[in-house]
Amino acid sequence: MKGNSRIGILTLNPLLLCFVVQLGLAFGLAGLFWPDKFMPLFETLMFPWAASRSAIRAHGIAAIGLSLLLLVTRLTGNR
């Protein structure tokens, strides 16, 4: 049996990680710049609660923060 040098359950392909970073950054910025266009989507996703501009902006900031965290993980080599 060959030993695996990687520890962990999930190892991400670097190309997939870059795609996730770009996708999170795009949706985060779009949520900050055009919250009115994302209102129908958030009304569907947050069904029991009313969607508001502040909630959409908070989710946009969180998406940008997550994409930056993933970018730092990618740049450090994920080791």
PDB file of N, CA and C in Angstrom:
ATOM      1  N   MET A   1       0.839  -1.166   0.000  1.00  0.00           N
ATOM      2  CA  MET A   1       0.000   0.000   0.000  1.00  0.00           C
ATOM      3  C   MET A   1       0.893   1.241   0.000  1.00  0.00           C
ATOM      4  N   LYS A   2       0.609   2.123  -0.897  1.00  0.00           N
ATOM      5  CA  LYS A   2       1.417   3.321  -1.042  1.00  0.00           C
ATOM      6  C   LYS A   2       0.928   4.403  -0.086  1.00  0.00           C
ATOM      7  N   GLY A   3       1.832   5.050   0.618  1.00  0.00           N
ATOM      8  CA  GLY A   3       1.465   6.102   1.563  1.00  0.00           C
ATOM      9  C   GLY A   3       1.185   7.418   0.848  1.00  0.00           C
ATOM     10  N   ASN A   4       0.214   8.117   1.327  1.00  0.00           N
ATOM     11  CA  ASN A   4      -0.136   9.420   0.760  1.00  0.00           C
ATOM     12  C   ASN A   4       0.468  10.510   1.633  1.00  0.00           C
ATOM     13  N   SER A   5       1.204  11.430   1.020  1.00  0.00           N
ATOM     14  CA  SER A   5       1.868  12.463   1.803  1.00  0.00           C
ATOM     15  C   SER A   5       0.924  13.600   2.190  1.00  0.00           C
ATOM     16  N   ARG A   6      -0.243  13.673   1.584  1.00  0.00           N
ATOM     17  CA  ARG A   6      -1.208  14.735   1.903  1.00  0.00           C
ATOM     18  C   ARG A   6      -2.055  14.321   3.102  1.00  0.00           C
ATOM     19  N   ILE A   7      -2.210  15.243   4.027  1.00  0.00           N
ATOM     20  CA  ILE A   7      -3.035  14.997   5.201  1.00  0.00           C
ATOM     21  C   ILE A   7      -4.303  15.801   5.034  1.00  0.00           C
ATOM     22  N   GLY A   8      -5.434  15.187   5.250  1.00  0.00           N
ATOM     23  CA  GLY A   8      -6.701  15.887   5.133  1.00  0.00           C
ATOM     24  C   GLY A   8      -7.690  15.097   4.307  1.00  0.00           C
ATOM     25  N   ILE A   9      -8.912  15.516   4.366  1.00  0.00           N
ATOM     26  CA  ILE A   9      -9.968  14.805   3.660  1.00  0.00           C
ATOM     27  C   ILE A   9     -10.101  15.306   2.227  1.00  0.00           C
ATOM     28  N   LEU A  10      -9.965  16.598   2.043  1.00  0.00           N
ATOM     29  CA  LEU A  10     -10.223  17.195   0.741  1.00  0.00           C
ATOM     30  C   LEU A  10      -9.014  17.991   0.279  1.00  0.00           C
ATOM     31  N   THR A  11      -8.559  17.712  -0.920  1.00  0.00           N
ATOM     32  CA  THR A  11      -7.494  18.505  -1.518  1.00  0.00           C
ATOM     33  C   THR A  11      -8.070  19.160  -2.765  1.00  0.00           C
ATOM     34  N   LEU A  12      -7.972  20.482  -2.836  1.00  0.00           N
ATOM     35  CA  LEU A  12      -8.550  21.212  -3.954  1.00  0.00           C
ATOM     36  C   LEU A  12      -7.545  21.367  -5.085  1.00  0.00           C
ATOM     37  N   ASN A  13      -8.044  21.238  -6.276  1.00  0.00           N
ATOM     38  CA  ASN A  13      -7.263  21.519  -7.452  1.00  0.00           C
ATOM     39  C   ASN A  13      -6.981  23.024  -7.471  1.00  0.00           C
ATOM     40  N   PRO A  14      -5.749  23.448  -7.759  1.00  0.00           N
ATOM     41  CA  PRO A  14      -5.453  24.889  -7.754  1.00  0.00           C
ATOM     42  C   PRO A  14      -6.325  25.689  -8.724  1.00  0.00           C
ATOM     43  N   LEU A  15      -6.651  25.114  -9.863  1.00  0.00           N
ATOM     44  CA  LEU A  15      -7.507  25.807 -10.818  1.00  0.00           C
ATOM     45  C   LEU A  15      -8.915  25.989 -10.262  1.00  0.00           C
ATOM     46  N   LEU A  16      -9.415  24.978  -9.563  1.00  0.00           N
ATOM     47  CA  LEU A  16     -10.740  25.068  -8.953  1.00  0.00           C
ATOM     48  C   LEU A  16     -10.753  26.116  -7.844  1.00  0.00           C
ATOM     49  N   LEU A  17      -9.701  26.177  -7.063  1.00  0.00           N
ATOM     50  CA  LEU A  17      -9.616  27.169  -5.994  1.00  0.00           C
ATOM     51  C   LEU A  17      -9.575  28.585  -6.563  1.00  0.00           C
ATOM     52  N   CYS A  18      -8.839  28.785  -7.645  1.00  0.00           N
ATOM     53  CA  CYS A  18      -8.811  30.100  -8.294  1.00  0.00           C
ATOM     54  C   CYS A  18     -10.183  30.468  -8.842  1.00  0.00           C
ATOM     55  N   PHE A  19     -10.903  29.487  -9.374  1.00  0.00           N
ATOM     56  CA  PHE A  19     -12.250  29.746  -9.889  1.00  0.00           C
ATOM     57  C   PHE A  19     -13.203  30.135  -8.764  1.00  0.00           C
ATOM     58  N   VAL A  20     -13.105  29.467  -7.635  1.00  0.00           N
ATOM     59  CA  VAL A  20     -13.961  29.783  -6.487  1.00  0.00           C
ATOM     60  C   VAL A  20     -13.647  31.181  -5.964  1.00  0.00           C
ATOM     61  N   VAL A  21     -12.372  31.553  -5.938  1.00  0.00           N
ATOM     62  CA  VAL A  21     -11.981  32.897  -5.502  1.00  0.00           C
ATOM     63  C   VAL A  21     -12.583  33.945  -6.437  1.00  0.00           C
ATOM     64  N   GLN A  22     -12.465  33.739  -7.736  1.00  0.00           N
ATOM     65  CA  GLN A  22     -13.006  34.693  -8.699  1.00  0.00           C
ATOM     66  C   GLN A  22     -14.522  34.782  -8.625  1.00  0.00           C
ATOM     67  N   LEU A  23     -15.183  33.651  -8.448  1.00  0.00           N
ATOM     68  CA  LEU A  23     -16.644  33.627  -8.352  1.00  0.00           C
ATOM     69  C   LEU A  23     -17.122  34.360  -7.100  1.00  0.00           C
ATOM     70  N   GLY A  24     -16.475  34.113  -5.975  1.00  0.00           N
ATOM     71  CA  GLY A  24     -16.842  34.806  -4.742  1.00  0.00           C
ATOM     72  C   GLY A  24     -16.602  36.298  -4.823  1.00  0.00           C
ATOM     73  N   LEU A  25     -15.498  36.685  -5.434  1.00  0.00           N
ATOM     74  CA  LEU A  25     -15.203  38.098  -5.595  1.00  0.00           C
ATOM     75  C   LEU A  25     -16.204  38.771  -6.530  1.00  0.00           C
ATOM     76  N   ALA A  26     -16.579  38.099  -7.607  1.00  0.00           N
ATOM     77  CA  ALA A  26     -17.540  38.672  -8.556  1.00  0.00           C
ATOM     78  C   ALA A  26     -18.907  38.867  -7.911  1.00  0.00           C
ATOM     79  N   PHE A  27     -19.410  37.851  -7.204  1.00  0.00           N
ATOM     80  CA  PHE A  27     -20.717  37.981  -6.566  1.00  0.00           C
ATOM     81  C   PHE A  27     -20.687  38.958  -5.397  1.00  0.00           C
ATOM     82  N   GLY A  28     -19.572  39.022  -4.693  1.00  0.00           N
ATOM     83  CA  GLY A  28     -19.457  39.977  -3.596  1.00  0.00           C
ATOM     84  C   GLY A  28     -19.491  41.420  -4.075  1.00  0.00           C
ATOM     85  N   LEU A  29     -18.737  41.699  -5.137  1.00  0.00           N
ATOM     86  CA  LEU A  29     -18.742  43.051  -5.690  1.00  0.00           C
ATOM     87  C   LEU A  29     -20.078  43.393  -6.329  1.00  0.00           C
ATOM     88  N   ALA A  30     -20.687  42.426  -6.997  1.00  0.00           N
ATOM     89  CA  ALA A  30     -21.998  42.675  -7.606  1.00  0.00           C
ATOM     90  C   ALA A  30     -23.049  42.959  -6.538  1.00  0.00           C
ATOM     91  N   GLY A  31     -22.965  42.264  -5.418  1.00  0.00           N
ATOM     92  CA  GLY A  31     -23.898  42.518  -4.325  1.00  0.00           C
ATOM     93  C   GLY A  31     -23.704  43.888  -3.692  1.00  0.00           C
ATOM     94  N   LEU A  32     -22.465  44.387  -3.711  1.00  0.00           N
ATOM     95  CA  LEU A  32     -22.210  45.717  -3.169  1.00  0.00           C
ATOM     96  C   LEU A  32     -22.625  46.826  -4.142  1.00  0.00           C
ATOM     97  N   PHE A  33     -22.368  46.616  -5.427  1.00  0.00           N
ATOM     98  CA  PHE A  33     -22.659  47.655  -6.413  1.00  0.00           C
ATOM     99  C   PHE A  33     -24.127  47.705  -6.823  1.00  0.00           C
ATOM    100  N   TRP A  34     -24.772  46.541  -6.956  1.00  0.00           N
ATOM    101  CA  TRP A  34     -26.153  46.487  -7.431  1.00  0.00           C
ATOM    102  C   TRP A  34     -27.032  45.662  -6.496  1.00  0.00           C
ATOM    103  N   PRO A  35     -27.288  46.137  -5.283  1.00  0.00           N
ATOM    104  CA  PRO A  35     -28.100  45.338  -4.356  1.00  0.00           C
ATOM    105  C   PRO A  35     -29.554  45.185  -4.823  1.00  0.00           C
ATOM    106  N   ASP A  36     -30.061  46.134  -5.611  1.00  0.00           N
ATOM    107  CA  ASP A  36     -31.446  46.032  -6.085  1.00  0.00           C
ATOM    108  C   ASP A  36     -31.635  44.871  -7.055  1.00  0.00           C
ATOM    109  N   LYS A  37     -30.608  44.572  -7.840  1.00  0.00           N
ATOM    110  CA  LYS A  37     -30.717  43.462  -8.794  1.00  0.00           C
ATOM    111  C   LYS A  37     -30.641  42.110  -8.098  1.00  0.00           C
ATOM    112  N   PHE A  38     -30.029  42.065  -6.917  1.00  0.00           N
ATOM    113  CA  PHE A  38     -29.929  40.814  -6.174  1.00  0.00           C
ATOM    114  C   PHE A  38     -31.092  40.620  -5.196  1.00  0.00           C
ATOM    115  N   MET A  39     -31.967  41.611  -5.086  1.00  0.00           N
ATOM    116  CA  MET A  39     -33.092  41.535  -4.153  1.00  0.00           C
ATOM    117  C   MET A  39     -34.003  40.329  -4.422  1.00  0.00           C
ATOM    118  N   PRO A  40     -34.408  40.026  -5.684  1.00  0.00           N
ATOM    119  CA  PRO A  40     -35.263  38.847  -5.900  1.00  0.00           C
ATOM    120  C   PRO A  40     -34.578  37.531  -5.513  1.00  0.00           C
ATOM    121  N   LEU A  41     -33.287  37.437  -5.768  1.00  0.00           N
ATOM    122  CA  LEU A  41     -32.558  36.220  -5.402  1.00  0.00           C
ATOM    123  C   LEU A  41     -32.518  36.056  -3.888  1.00  0.00           C
ATOM    124  N   PHE A  42     -32.248  37.123  -3.167  1.00  0.00           N
ATOM    125  CA  PHE A  42     -32.183  37.035  -1.714  1.00  0.00           C
ATOM    126  C   PHE A  42     -33.557  36.853  -1.086  1.00  0.00           C
ATOM    127  N   GLU A  43     -34.612  37.352  -1.736  1.00  0.00           N
ATOM    128  CA  GLU A  43     -35.956  37.089  -1.229  1.00  0.00           C
ATOM    129  C   GLU A  43     -36.283  35.604  -1.322  1.00  0.00           C
ATOM    130  N   THR A  44     -35.774  34.940  -2.352  1.00  0.00           N
ATOM    131  CA  THR A  44     -35.989  33.498  -2.493  1.00  0.00           C
ATOM    132  C   THR A  44     -35.121  32.717  -1.509  1.00  0.00           C
ATOM    133  N   LEU A  45     -33.852  33.098  -1.377  1.00  0.00           N
ATOM    134  CA  LEU A  45     -32.933  32.360  -0.506  1.00  0.00           C
ATOM    135  C   LEU A  45     -33.232  32.550   0.975  1.00  0.00           C
ATOM    136  N   MET A  46     -33.658  33.752   1.348  1.00  0.00           N
ATOM    137  CA  MET A  46     -33.929  34.052   2.761  1.00  0.00           C
ATOM    138  C   MET A  46     -35.440  34.097   2.982  1.00  0.00           C
ATOM    139  N   PHE A  47     -36.143  33.018   2.631  1.00  0.00           N
ATOM    140  CA  PHE A  47     -37.604  33.024   2.561  1.00  0.00           C
ATOM    141  C   PHE A  47     -38.320  33.528   3.812  1.00  0.00           C
ATOM    142  N   PRO A  48     -38.068  33.014   5.000  1.00  0.00           N
ATOM    143  CA  PRO A  48     -38.868  33.500   6.132  1.00  0.00           C
ATOM    144  C   PRO A  48     -38.571  34.948   6.507  1.00  0.00           C
ATOM    145  N   TRP A  49     -37.386  35.429   6.167  1.00  0.00           N
ATOM    146  CA  TRP A  49     -37.005  36.785   6.530  1.00  0.00           C
ATOM    147  C   TRP A  49     -37.058  37.683   5.297  1.00  0.00           C
ATOM    148  N   ALA A  50     -37.311  38.946   5.522  1.00  0.00           N
ATOM    149  CA  ALA A  50     -37.340  39.896   4.412  1.00  0.00           C
ATOM    150  C   ALA A  50     -35.911  40.272   4.014  1.00  0.00           C
ATOM    151  N   ALA A  51     -35.676  40.290   2.716  1.00  0.00           N
ATOM    152  CA  ALA A  51     -34.361  40.687   2.224  1.00  0.00           C
ATOM    153  C   ALA A  51     -34.251  42.204   2.275  1.00  0.00           C
ATOM    154  N   SER A  52     -33.114  42.694   2.721  1.00  0.00           N
ATOM    155  CA  SER A  52     -32.901  44.137   2.791  1.00  0.00           C
ATOM    156  C   SER A  52     -31.561  44.476   2.153  1.00  0.00           C
ATOM    157  N   ARG A  53     -31.394  45.763   1.868  1.00  0.00           N
ATOM    158  CA  ARG A  53     -30.127  46.201   1.274  1.00  0.00           C
ATOM    159  C   ARG A  53     -28.954  45.925   2.210  1.00  0.00           C
ATOM    160  N   SER A  54     -29.172  46.101   3.506  1.00  0.00           N
ATOM    161  CA  SER A  54     -28.064  45.879   4.448  1.00  0.00           C
ATOM    162  C   SER A  54     -27.675  44.404   4.506  1.00  0.00           C
ATOM    163  N   ALA A  55     -28.646  43.504   4.391  1.00  0.00           N
ATOM    164  CA  ALA A  55     -28.333  42.069   4.380  1.00  0.00           C
ATOM    165  C   ALA A  55     -27.557  41.692   3.122  1.00  0.00           C
ATOM    166  N   ILE A  56     -27.949  42.259   1.998  1.00  0.00           N
ATOM    167  CA  ILE A  56     -27.246  41.966   0.742  1.00  0.00           C
ATOM    168  C   ILE A  56     -25.832  42.531   0.790  1.00  0.00           C
ATOM    169  N   ARG A  57     -25.676  43.725   1.343  1.00  0.00           N
ATOM    170  CA  ARG A  57     -24.332  44.304   1.470  1.00  0.00           C
ATOM    171  C   ARG A  57     -23.470  43.488   2.436  1.00  0.00           C
ATOM    172  N   ALA A  58     -24.056  43.007   3.517  1.00  0.00           N
ATOM    173  CA  ALA A  58     -23.301  42.179   4.469  1.00  0.00           C
ATOM    174  C   ALA A  58     -22.856  40.872   3.814  1.00  0.00           C
ATOM    175  N   HIS A  59     -23.718  40.262   3.025  1.00  0.00           N
ATOM    176  CA  HIS A  59     -23.335  39.042   2.324  1.00  0.00           C
ATOM    177  C   HIS A  59     -22.270  39.328   1.269  1.00  0.00           C
ATOM    178  N   GLY A  60     -22.331  40.496   0.630  1.00  0.00           N
ATOM    179  CA  GLY A  60     -21.306  40.880  -0.337  1.00  0.00           C
ATOM    180  C   GLY A  60     -19.948  41.054   0.320  1.00  0.00           C
ATOM    181  N   ILE A  61     -19.929  41.703   1.472  1.00  0.00           N
ATOM    182  CA  ILE A  61     -18.667  41.882   2.204  1.00  0.00           C
ATOM    183  C   ILE A  61     -18.126  40.538   2.680  1.00  0.00           C
ATOM    184  N   ALA A  62     -19.014  39.660   3.126  1.00  0.00           N
ATOM    185  CA  ALA A  62     -18.582  38.325   3.562  1.00  0.00           C
ATOM    186  C   ALA A  62     -18.024  37.516   2.387  1.00  0.00           C
ATOM    187  N   ALA A  63     -18.635  37.638   1.206  1.00  0.00           N
ATOM    188  CA  ALA A  63     -18.129  36.921   0.031  1.00  0.00           C
ATOM    189  C   ALA A  63     -16.757  37.440  -0.379  1.00  0.00           C
ATOM    190  N   ILE A  64     -16.559  38.749  -0.302  1.00  0.00           N
ATOM    191  CA  ILE A  64     -15.240  39.317  -0.619  1.00  0.00           C
ATOM    192  C   ILE A  64     -14.205  38.857   0.406  1.00  0.00           C
ATOM    193  N   GLY A  65     -14.576  38.830   1.685  1.00  0.00           N
ATOM    194  CA  GLY A  65     -13.659  38.354   2.717  1.00  0.00           C
ATOM    195  C   GLY A  65     -13.284  36.894   2.530  1.00  0.00           C
ATOM    196  N   LEU A  66     -14.263  36.065   2.175  1.00  0.00           N
ATOM    197  CA  LEU A  66     -13.982  34.650   1.934  1.00  0.00           C
ATOM    198  C   LEU A  66     -13.084  34.461   0.720  1.00  0.00           C
ATOM    199  N   SER A  67     -13.318  35.236  -0.334  1.00  0.00           N
ATOM    200  CA  SER A  67     -12.467  35.107  -1.514  1.00  0.00           C
ATOM    201  C   SER A  67     -11.041  35.555  -1.214  1.00  0.00           C
ATOM    202  N   LEU A  68     -10.884  36.595  -0.390  1.00  0.00           N
ATOM    203  CA  LEU A  68      -9.532  37.011  -0.007  1.00  0.00           C
ATOM    204  C   LEU A  68      -8.846  35.956   0.860  1.00  0.00           C
ATOM    205  N   LEU A  69      -9.612  35.322   1.735  1.00  0.00           N
ATOM    206  CA  LEU A  69      -9.050  34.246   2.554  1.00  0.00           C
ATOM    207  C   LEU A  69      -8.607  33.069   1.686  1.00  0.00           C
ATOM    208  N   LEU A  70      -9.405  32.713   0.706  1.00  0.00           N
ATOM    209  CA  LEU A  70      -9.022  31.631  -0.202  1.00  0.00           C
ATOM    210  C   LEU A  70      -7.817  32.022  -1.045  1.00  0.00           C
ATOM    211  N   LEU A  71      -7.721  33.296  -1.439  1.00  0.00           N
ATOM    212  CA  LEU A  71      -6.570  33.754  -2.206  1.00  0.00           C
ATOM    213  C   LEU A  71      -5.297  33.658  -1.378  1.00  0.00           C
ATOM    214  N   VAL A  72      -5.363  34.049  -0.120  1.00  0.00           N
ATOM    215  CA  VAL A  72      -4.190  33.939   0.756  1.00  0.00           C
ATOM    216  C   VAL A  72      -3.806  32.473   0.933  1.00  0.00           C
ATOM    217  N   THR A  73      -4.804  31.602   1.052  1.00  0.00           N
ATOM    218  CA  THR A  73      -4.533  30.167   1.167  1.00  0.00           C
ATOM    219  C   THR A  73      -3.836  29.656  -0.083  1.00  0.00           C
ATOM    220  N   ARG A  74      -4.265  30.152  -1.231  1.00  0.00           N
ATOM    221  CA  ARG A  74      -3.657  29.731  -2.497  1.00  0.00           C
ATOM    222  C   ARG A  74      -2.235  30.258  -2.613  1.00  0.00           C
ATOM    223  N   LEU A  75      -2.010  31.490  -2.212  1.00  0.00           N
ATOM    224  CA  LEU A  75      -0.675  32.079  -2.348  1.00  0.00           C
ATOM    225  C   LEU A  75       0.324  31.472  -1.379  1.00  0.00           C
ATOM    226  N   THR A  76      -0.130  31.031  -0.222  1.00  0.00           N
ATOM    227  CA  THR A  76       0.801  30.421   0.731  1.00  0.00           C
ATOM    228  C   THR A  76       1.117  28.977   0.376  1.00  0.00           C
ATOM    229  N   GLY A  77       0.417  28.410  -0.558  1.00  0.00           N
ATOM    230  CA  GLY A  77       0.734  27.063  -1.007  1.00  0.00           C
ATOM    231  C   GLY A  77      -0.145  25.991  -0.391  1.00  0.00           C
ATOM    232  N   ASN A  78      -1.018  26.341   0.536  1.00  0.00           N
ATOM    233  CA  ASN A  78      -1.941  25.381   1.150  1.00  0.00           C
ATOM    234  C   ASN A  78      -1.208  24.168   1.704  1.00  0.00           C
ATOM    235  N   ARG A  79      -0.138  24.401   2.457  1.00  0.00           N
ATOM    236  CA  ARG A  79       0.650  23.282   2.980  1.00  0.00           C
ATOM    237  C   ARG A  79       0.502  23.153   4.461  1.00  0.00           C
TER     238      ARG A  79
END
